[in-house]
């Protein structure tokens, strides 16, 4: 079963993402947006064992998302993202999958 790497555990309920794999939280709560070296080291620790079929769940500070996606794309040449899509008219929201084939886009460049 794939792993879903959650950028930051905050107040948002990520339980719907469990249908894509086991949730692993790479950070929790408040993180300084300027502590990029610490975030990089922490995320590299988690993502070094990731597999190409795993996911990054987009949540938290944009700088943290950028670091997580950069590491994953460097390791696997692609990004498997889970994005939250809010429900309409009282419906519950859910996660959708988006895949970006980084190596395919950059061939020959």
N, C-alpha and C. Protein backbone atom coordinates (compact mmCIF):
# COMPACT_ATOMS: atom_id res chain seq x y z
N UNK A 1 0.84 -1.18 0.00
CA UNK A 1 0.00 0.00 0.00
C UNK A 1 0.89 1.25 0.00
N UNK A 2 0.55 2.25 -0.81
CA UNK A 2 1.34 3.48 -0.85
C UNK A 2 1.30 4.23 0.48
N UNK A 3 2.20 5.18 0.60
CA UNK A 3 2.24 6.06 1.76
C UNK A 3 1.83 7.45 1.30
N UNK A 4 1.04 8.12 2.14
CA UNK A 4 0.65 9.51 1.91
C UNK A 4 1.44 10.36 2.89
N UNK A 5 2.38 11.15 2.37
CA UNK A 5 3.18 12.03 3.20
C UNK A 5 2.45 13.36 3.36
N UNK A 6 2.00 13.63 4.57
CA UNK A 6 1.27 14.86 4.87
C UNK A 6 2.29 15.91 5.29
N UNK A 7 2.29 17.03 4.58
CA UNK A 7 3.28 18.07 4.83
C UNK A 7 3.20 18.59 6.26
N UNK A 8 1.98 18.86 6.75
CA UNK A 8 1.83 19.39 8.11
C UNK A 8 0.51 18.94 8.71
N UNK A 9 0.58 18.44 9.94
CA UNK A 9 -0.63 18.05 10.67
C UNK A 9 -1.15 19.29 11.39
N UNK A 10 -2.27 19.79 10.92
CA UNK A 10 -2.90 20.96 11.52
C UNK A 10 -4.31 20.61 11.93
N UNK A 11 -5.18 21.58 11.82
CA UNK A 11 -6.57 21.40 12.25
C UNK A 11 -7.42 20.68 11.20
N UNK A 12 -6.95 20.61 9.97
CA UNK A 12 -7.73 20.00 8.89
C UNK A 12 -7.78 18.47 9.04
N UNK A 13 -8.95 17.91 8.81
CA UNK A 13 -9.15 16.46 8.89
C UNK A 13 -8.68 15.81 7.58
N UNK A 14 -7.65 14.99 7.64
CA UNK A 14 -7.08 14.34 6.45
C UNK A 14 -7.55 12.90 6.29
N UNK A 15 -8.54 12.49 7.04
CA UNK A 15 -8.91 11.06 7.07
C UNK A 15 -9.34 10.53 5.71
N UNK A 16 -9.93 11.35 4.84
CA UNK A 16 -10.33 10.87 3.51
C UNK A 16 -9.12 10.41 2.70
N UNK A 17 -7.95 10.97 2.97
CA UNK A 17 -6.74 10.61 2.23
C UNK A 17 -6.28 9.19 2.54
N UNK A 18 -6.80 8.58 3.59
CA UNK A 18 -6.42 7.21 3.94
C UNK A 18 -6.78 6.22 2.84
N UNK A 19 -7.71 6.57 1.99
CA UNK A 19 -8.07 5.65 0.90
C UNK A 19 -6.95 5.54 -0.14
N UNK A 20 -5.99 6.47 -0.09
CA UNK A 20 -4.84 6.43 -0.99
C UNK A 20 -3.63 5.72 -0.38
N UNK A 21 -3.61 5.58 0.94
CA UNK A 21 -2.47 4.93 1.59
C UNK A 21 -2.37 5.30 3.05
N UNK A 22 -1.31 4.83 3.67
CA UNK A 22 -1.06 5.10 5.08
C UNK A 22 -0.56 6.52 5.26
N UNK A 23 -1.14 7.25 6.20
CA UNK A 23 -0.75 8.64 6.44
C UNK A 23 0.51 8.71 7.29
N UNK A 24 1.47 9.54 6.86
CA UNK A 24 2.67 9.84 7.62
C UNK A 24 2.78 11.35 7.69
N UNK A 25 2.73 11.89 8.89
CA UNK A 25 2.83 13.34 9.09
C UNK A 25 4.30 13.72 9.22
N UNK A 26 4.75 14.63 8.35
CA UNK A 26 6.16 15.03 8.36
C UNK A 26 6.43 16.21 9.29
N UNK A 27 5.41 16.91 9.70
CA UNK A 27 5.54 18.00 10.68
C UNK A 27 4.18 18.20 11.34
N UNK A 28 4.19 18.95 12.42
CA UNK A 28 2.95 19.17 13.14
C UNK A 28 2.93 20.58 13.74
N UNK A 29 1.78 21.22 13.63
CA UNK A 29 1.59 22.52 14.25
C UNK A 29 2.37 23.64 13.57
N UNK A 30 2.68 24.64 14.35
CA UNK A 30 3.34 25.84 13.86
C UNK A 30 4.82 25.56 13.53
N UNK A 31 5.25 26.02 12.35
CA UNK A 31 6.64 25.87 11.90
C UNK A 31 7.07 27.21 11.32
N UNK A 32 8.26 27.64 11.62
CA UNK A 32 8.76 28.90 11.08
C UNK A 32 9.01 28.77 9.58
N UNK A 33 8.46 29.69 8.82
CA UNK A 33 8.66 29.68 7.37
C UNK A 33 10.11 29.97 6.99
N UNK A 34 10.88 30.47 7.93
CA UNK A 34 12.27 30.79 7.66
C UNK A 34 13.24 29.66 8.02
N UNK A 35 12.74 28.61 8.63
CA UNK A 35 13.57 27.48 9.05
C UNK A 35 13.68 26.46 7.92
N UNK A 36 14.05 26.91 6.74
CA UNK A 36 14.03 26.05 5.56
C UNK A 36 15.03 24.89 5.65
N UNK A 37 16.19 25.12 6.24
CA UNK A 37 17.18 24.04 6.37
C UNK A 37 16.65 22.94 7.28
N UNK A 38 16.01 23.33 8.36
CA UNK A 38 15.43 22.34 9.29
C UNK A 38 14.31 21.57 8.61
N UNK A 39 13.44 22.28 7.90
CA UNK A 39 12.34 21.61 7.18
C UNK A 39 12.91 20.65 6.16
N UNK A 40 13.92 21.08 5.41
CA UNK A 40 14.54 20.20 4.41
C UNK A 40 15.10 18.93 5.05
N UNK A 41 15.84 19.07 6.13
CA UNK A 41 16.41 17.89 6.81
C UNK A 41 15.31 16.97 7.33
N UNK A 42 14.30 17.55 7.96
CA UNK A 42 13.20 16.74 8.50
C UNK A 42 12.46 16.00 7.38
N UNK A 43 12.15 16.69 6.30
CA UNK A 43 11.40 16.06 5.21
C UNK A 43 12.26 15.04 4.47
N UNK A 44 13.55 15.31 4.31
CA UNK A 44 14.44 14.35 3.66
C UNK A 44 14.49 13.05 4.44
N UNK A 45 14.44 13.15 5.76
CA UNK A 45 14.42 11.95 6.61
C UNK A 45 13.21 11.08 6.27
N UNK A 46 12.04 11.68 6.14
CA UNK A 46 10.84 10.93 5.81
C UNK A 46 10.83 10.45 4.37
N UNK A 47 11.18 11.32 3.44
CA UNK A 47 11.01 11.01 2.02
C UNK A 47 12.12 10.15 1.43
N UNK A 48 13.22 9.96 2.14
CA UNK A 48 14.31 9.14 1.59
C UNK A 48 13.85 7.70 1.36
N UNK A 49 12.86 7.24 2.08
CA UNK A 49 12.33 5.89 1.91
C UNK A 49 11.07 5.85 1.05
N UNK A 50 10.69 6.98 0.46
CA UNK A 50 9.46 7.03 -0.34
C UNK A 50 9.63 6.22 -1.62
N UNK A 51 8.50 5.86 -2.20
CA UNK A 51 8.46 5.10 -3.44
C UNK A 51 7.73 5.92 -4.50
N UNK A 52 7.96 5.65 -5.78
CA UNK A 52 7.32 6.43 -6.85
C UNK A 52 5.79 6.42 -6.79
N UNK A 53 5.19 5.44 -6.16
CA UNK A 53 3.72 5.38 -6.10
C UNK A 53 3.14 6.10 -4.87
N UNK A 54 3.99 6.66 -4.03
CA UNK A 54 3.53 7.39 -2.85
C UNK A 54 3.00 8.77 -3.23
N UNK A 55 2.43 9.46 -2.25
CA UNK A 55 1.79 10.75 -2.48
C UNK A 55 2.32 11.82 -1.52
N UNK A 56 2.21 13.08 -1.96
CA UNK A 56 2.40 14.24 -1.10
C UNK A 56 1.02 14.87 -0.94
N UNK A 57 0.56 15.01 0.30
CA UNK A 57 -0.70 15.67 0.57
C UNK A 57 -0.39 17.15 0.84
N UNK A 58 -0.98 18.01 0.03
CA UNK A 58 -0.68 19.43 0.07
C UNK A 58 -1.44 20.10 1.22
N UNK A 59 -0.69 20.54 2.21
CA UNK A 59 -1.23 21.26 3.35
C UNK A 59 -0.08 21.99 4.04
N UNK A 60 -0.36 23.08 4.71
CA UNK A 60 0.69 23.79 5.44
C UNK A 60 1.25 24.96 4.66
N UNK A 61 2.36 25.49 5.14
CA UNK A 61 3.00 26.65 4.51
C UNK A 61 3.50 26.32 3.11
N UNK A 62 3.40 27.30 2.21
CA UNK A 62 3.83 27.07 0.83
C UNK A 62 5.31 26.70 0.73
N UNK A 63 6.15 27.27 1.58
CA UNK A 63 7.57 26.93 1.53
C UNK A 63 7.79 25.46 1.92
N UNK A 64 6.99 24.97 2.85
CA UNK A 64 7.08 23.56 3.24
C UNK A 64 6.62 22.65 2.11
N UNK A 65 5.54 23.02 1.45
CA UNK A 65 5.03 22.25 0.31
C UNK A 65 6.08 22.23 -0.80
N UNK A 66 6.71 23.38 -1.06
CA UNK A 66 7.74 23.45 -2.09
C UNK A 66 8.92 22.54 -1.80
N UNK A 67 9.36 22.52 -0.55
CA UNK A 67 10.47 21.66 -0.17
C UNK A 67 10.10 20.18 -0.31
N UNK A 68 8.92 19.81 0.17
CA UNK A 68 8.47 18.41 0.08
C UNK A 68 8.37 17.98 -1.39
N UNK A 69 7.77 18.81 -2.23
CA UNK A 69 7.61 18.47 -3.64
C UNK A 69 8.97 18.41 -4.35
N UNK A 70 9.87 19.32 -3.99
CA UNK A 70 11.20 19.30 -4.60
C UNK A 70 11.95 18.02 -4.29
N UNK A 71 11.90 17.60 -3.05
CA UNK A 71 12.57 16.35 -2.66
C UNK A 71 11.96 15.17 -3.40
N UNK A 72 10.63 15.07 -3.37
CA UNK A 72 9.95 13.93 -4.01
C UNK A 72 10.24 13.89 -5.51
N UNK A 73 10.15 15.04 -6.18
CA UNK A 73 10.40 15.10 -7.62
C UNK A 73 11.85 14.74 -7.94
N UNK A 74 12.79 15.17 -7.12
CA UNK A 74 14.20 14.82 -7.33
C UNK A 74 14.43 13.33 -7.20
N UNK A 75 13.74 12.72 -6.26
CA UNK A 75 13.91 11.28 -6.04
C UNK A 75 13.25 10.44 -7.13
N UNK A 76 12.07 10.86 -7.61
CA UNK A 76 11.26 9.98 -8.45
C UNK A 76 10.96 10.51 -9.85
N UNK A 77 11.33 11.75 -10.13
CA UNK A 77 11.07 12.30 -11.47
C UNK A 77 9.62 12.58 -11.74
N UNK A 78 8.80 12.56 -10.70
CA UNK A 78 7.38 12.84 -10.85
C UNK A 78 6.83 13.27 -9.49
N UNK A 79 5.62 13.82 -9.52
CA UNK A 79 4.93 14.20 -8.29
C UNK A 79 3.55 13.57 -8.29
N UNK A 80 3.22 12.91 -7.20
CA UNK A 80 1.87 12.40 -6.98
C UNK A 80 1.27 13.25 -5.86
N UNK A 81 0.34 14.11 -6.23
CA UNK A 81 -0.22 15.05 -5.27
C UNK A 81 -1.64 14.66 -4.88
N UNK A 82 -1.99 14.93 -3.63
CA UNK A 82 -3.37 14.83 -3.18
C UNK A 82 -3.81 16.24 -2.81
N UNK A 83 -4.88 16.70 -3.47
CA UNK A 83 -5.42 18.04 -3.28
C UNK A 83 -6.82 17.93 -2.69
N UNK A 84 -7.12 18.76 -1.71
CA UNK A 84 -8.45 18.75 -1.10
C UNK A 84 -9.42 19.53 -1.97
N UNK A 85 -10.55 18.92 -2.28
CA UNK A 85 -11.60 19.57 -3.05
C UNK A 85 -12.82 19.74 -2.15
N UNK A 86 -13.15 20.98 -1.80
CA UNK A 86 -14.29 21.21 -0.91
C UNK A 86 -15.60 20.75 -1.55
N UNK A 87 -16.52 20.28 -0.72
CA UNK A 87 -17.84 19.89 -1.21
C UNK A 87 -18.70 21.12 -1.46
N UNK A 88 -19.79 20.90 -2.16
CA UNK A 88 -20.73 22.00 -2.45
C UNK A 88 -22.06 21.72 -1.76
N UNK A 89 -22.70 22.78 -1.34
CA UNK A 89 -24.06 22.66 -0.80
C UNK A 89 -24.18 21.68 0.35
N UNK A 90 -23.24 21.73 1.27
CA UNK A 90 -23.30 20.84 2.43
C UNK A 90 -22.64 19.48 2.23
N UNK A 91 -22.21 19.17 1.00
CA UNK A 91 -21.51 17.91 0.76
C UNK A 91 -20.15 17.95 1.42
N UNK A 92 -19.68 16.80 1.82
CA UNK A 92 -18.36 16.71 2.44
C UNK A 92 -17.29 16.79 1.35
N UNK A 93 -16.17 17.45 1.67
CA UNK A 93 -15.06 17.53 0.73
C UNK A 93 -14.30 16.22 0.66
N UNK A 94 -13.41 16.13 -0.30
CA UNK A 94 -12.64 14.90 -0.51
C UNK A 94 -11.33 15.23 -1.20
N UNK A 95 -10.43 14.26 -1.25
CA UNK A 95 -9.13 14.44 -1.90
C UNK A 95 -9.16 13.91 -3.32
N UNK A 96 -8.48 14.63 -4.21
CA UNK A 96 -8.32 14.18 -5.58
C UNK A 96 -6.83 14.03 -5.87
N UNK A 97 -6.52 13.14 -6.77
CA UNK A 97 -5.14 12.83 -7.13
C UNK A 97 -4.75 13.59 -8.39
N UNK A 98 -3.55 14.12 -8.39
CA UNK A 98 -2.96 14.73 -9.58
C UNK A 98 -1.52 14.24 -9.69
N UNK A 99 -1.13 13.83 -10.89
CA UNK A 99 0.22 13.32 -11.13
C UNK A 99 0.90 14.22 -12.15
N UNK A 100 2.10 14.65 -11.85
CA UNK A 100 2.90 15.47 -12.75
C UNK A 100 4.17 14.69 -13.07
N UNK A 101 4.35 14.37 -14.34
CA UNK A 101 5.51 13.60 -14.78
C UNK A 101 6.64 14.58 -15.10
N UNK A 102 7.45 14.88 -14.12
CA UNK A 102 8.50 15.89 -14.23
C UNK A 102 9.51 15.53 -15.33
N UNK A 103 10.02 14.32 -15.31
CA UNK A 103 11.04 13.92 -16.30
C UNK A 103 10.49 13.97 -17.72
N UNK A 104 9.23 13.61 -17.90
CA UNK A 104 8.62 13.63 -19.23
C UNK A 104 8.53 15.05 -19.76
N UNK A 105 8.18 15.99 -18.89
CA UNK A 105 8.03 17.38 -19.32
C UNK A 105 9.37 18.00 -19.71
N UNK A 106 10.43 17.56 -19.06
CA UNK A 106 11.74 18.19 -19.24
C UNK A 106 12.66 17.44 -20.18
N UNK A 107 12.17 16.40 -20.85
CA UNK A 107 13.01 15.65 -21.80
C UNK A 107 13.52 16.57 -22.90
N UNK A 108 14.79 16.48 -23.16
CA UNK A 108 15.38 17.24 -24.26
C UNK A 108 15.64 18.71 -23.94
N UNK A 109 15.42 19.12 -22.73
CA UNK A 109 15.63 20.54 -22.37
C UNK A 109 17.00 20.71 -21.76
